[in-house]
């Protein structure tokens, strides 16, 4: 084997190594893209789950607000009834004083 043949063979080996390195880089890039797609998919699923939880919490908040308003209305009615009863008691006291 003369020098030119040796250099030619050496260049072929280098070309093969370069090609293999490029293939490895593409494979690495493909793996990274696959992981990225998987991560994005997972994030989308988590987003949907969180949106559902938010909707449930908003519904619970609305129900609790309704309950609070109902309790406040009940409290106001109770105050009015107590006031009415106290007025009646005052009338009894006033009638007894007048006799």
Protein backbone atom coordinates (compact mmCIF):
# COMPACT_ATOMS: atom_id res chain seq x y z
CA UNK A 1 0.00 0.00 0.00
CA UNK A 2 1.49 3.25 -1.04
CA UNK A 3 1.14 6.58 0.69
CA UNK A 4 -1.74 7.82 -1.46
CA UNK A 5 -3.76 4.68 -0.82
CA UNK A 6 -3.08 4.97 2.88
CA UNK A 7 -4.21 8.61 2.92
CA UNK A 8 -7.29 7.72 0.89
CA UNK A 9 -8.16 4.90 3.33
CA UNK A 10 -7.54 7.22 6.24
CA UNK A 11 -9.93 9.81 4.74
CA UNK A 12 -12.58 7.11 4.28
CA UNK A 13 -12.23 6.10 7.91
CA UNK A 14 -12.51 9.73 9.00
CA UNK A 15 -15.57 10.23 6.78
CA UNK A 16 -17.19 7.15 8.30
CA UNK A 17 -16.38 8.37 11.81
CA UNK A 18 -17.78 11.82 10.99
CA UNK A 19 -20.92 10.26 9.53
CA UNK A 20 -21.35 8.06 12.62
CA UNK A 21 -20.85 11.09 14.85
CA UNK A 22 -23.51 12.99 12.90
CA UNK A 23 -25.87 10.02 13.22
CA UNK A 24 -25.20 9.92 16.97
CA UNK A 25 -25.92 13.64 17.21
CA UNK A 26 -29.19 13.20 15.31
CA UNK A 27 -30.12 10.32 17.58
CA UNK A 28 -29.32 12.44 20.63
CA UNK A 29 -31.37 15.31 19.20
CA UNK A 30 -34.27 12.95 18.50
CA UNK A 31 -34.15 11.63 22.07
CA UNK A 32 -34.16 15.16 23.46
CA UNK A 33 -37.13 16.08 21.25
CA UNK A 34 -38.98 12.96 22.43
CA UNK A 35 -38.34 13.92 26.06
CA UNK A 36 -39.48 17.47 25.34
CA UNK A 37 -42.70 16.23 23.71
CA UNK A 38 -43.32 13.97 26.69
CA UNK A 39 -42.72 16.87 29.08
CA UNK A 40 -45.07 19.18 27.15
CA UNK A 41 -47.75 16.48 27.09
CA UNK A 42 -47.39 16.02 30.85
CA UNK A 43 -47.65 19.78 31.39
CA UNK A 44 -50.82 19.93 29.29
CA UNK A 45 -52.37 17.13 31.35
CA UNK A 46 -51.42 18.90 34.58
CA UNK A 47 -52.91 22.13 33.26
CA UNK A 48 -56.21 20.40 32.49
CA UNK A 49 -56.21 18.81 35.95
CA UNK A 50 -55.51 22.16 37.62
CA UNK A 51 -58.22 23.88 35.58
CA UNK A 52 -60.70 21.21 36.74
CA UNK A 53 -59.62 21.73 40.36
CA UNK A 54 -60.01 25.50 39.97
CA UNK A 55 -63.50 25.03 38.58
CA UNK A 56 -64.41 22.75 41.51
CA UNK A 57 -63.02 25.28 44.00
CA UNK A 58 -64.90 28.14 42.33
CA UNK A 59 -68.11 26.13 42.54
CA UNK A 60 -67.44 25.39 46.22
CA UNK A 61 -66.76 29.08 46.87
CA UNK A 62 -70.05 30.03 45.20
CA UNK A 63 -71.91 27.48 47.33
CA UNK A 64 -70.24 28.75 50.50
CA UNK A 65 -71.09 32.35 49.59
CA UNK A 66 -74.72 31.32 49.14
CA UNK A 67 -74.65 29.64 52.55
CA UNK A 68 -73.12 32.72 54.16
CA UNK A 69 -75.78 34.95 52.60
CA UNK A 70 -78.49 32.58 53.81
CA UNK A 71 -77.03 32.55 57.33
CA UNK A 72 -76.82 36.34 57.34
CA UNK A 73 -80.45 36.55 56.25
CA UNK A 74 -81.41 34.06 58.99
CA UNK A 75 -79.48 36.13 61.52
CA UNK A 76 -81.25 39.31 60.38
CA UNK A 77 -84.65 37.60 60.67
CA UNK A 78 -83.73 36.36 64.15
CA UNK A 79 -82.74 39.90 65.18
CA UNK A 80 -86.06 41.22 63.87
CA UNK A 81 -88.00 38.57 65.78
CA UNK A 82 -86.06 39.29 68.98
CA UNK A 83 -86.70 42.98 68.52
CA UNK A 84 -90.40 42.25 67.96
CA UNK A 85 -90.57 40.07 71.08
CA UNK A 86 -88.78 42.73 73.15
CA UNK A 87 -91.25 45.31 71.88
CA UNK A 88 -94.12 43.04 72.98
CA UNK A 89 -92.51 42.64 76.41
CA UNK A 90 -92.14 46.42 76.67
CA UNK A 91 -95.84 46.75 75.83
CA UNK A 92 -96.71 44.34 78.65
CA UNK A 93 -94.57 46.35 81.07
CA UNK A 94 -96.17 49.59 79.86
CA UNK A 95 -99.69 48.19 80.23
CA UNK A 96 -98.92 46.99 83.78
CA UNK A 97 -97.50 50.40 84.71
CA UNK A 98 -100.62 52.07 83.33
CA UNK A 99 -103.02 50.03 85.43
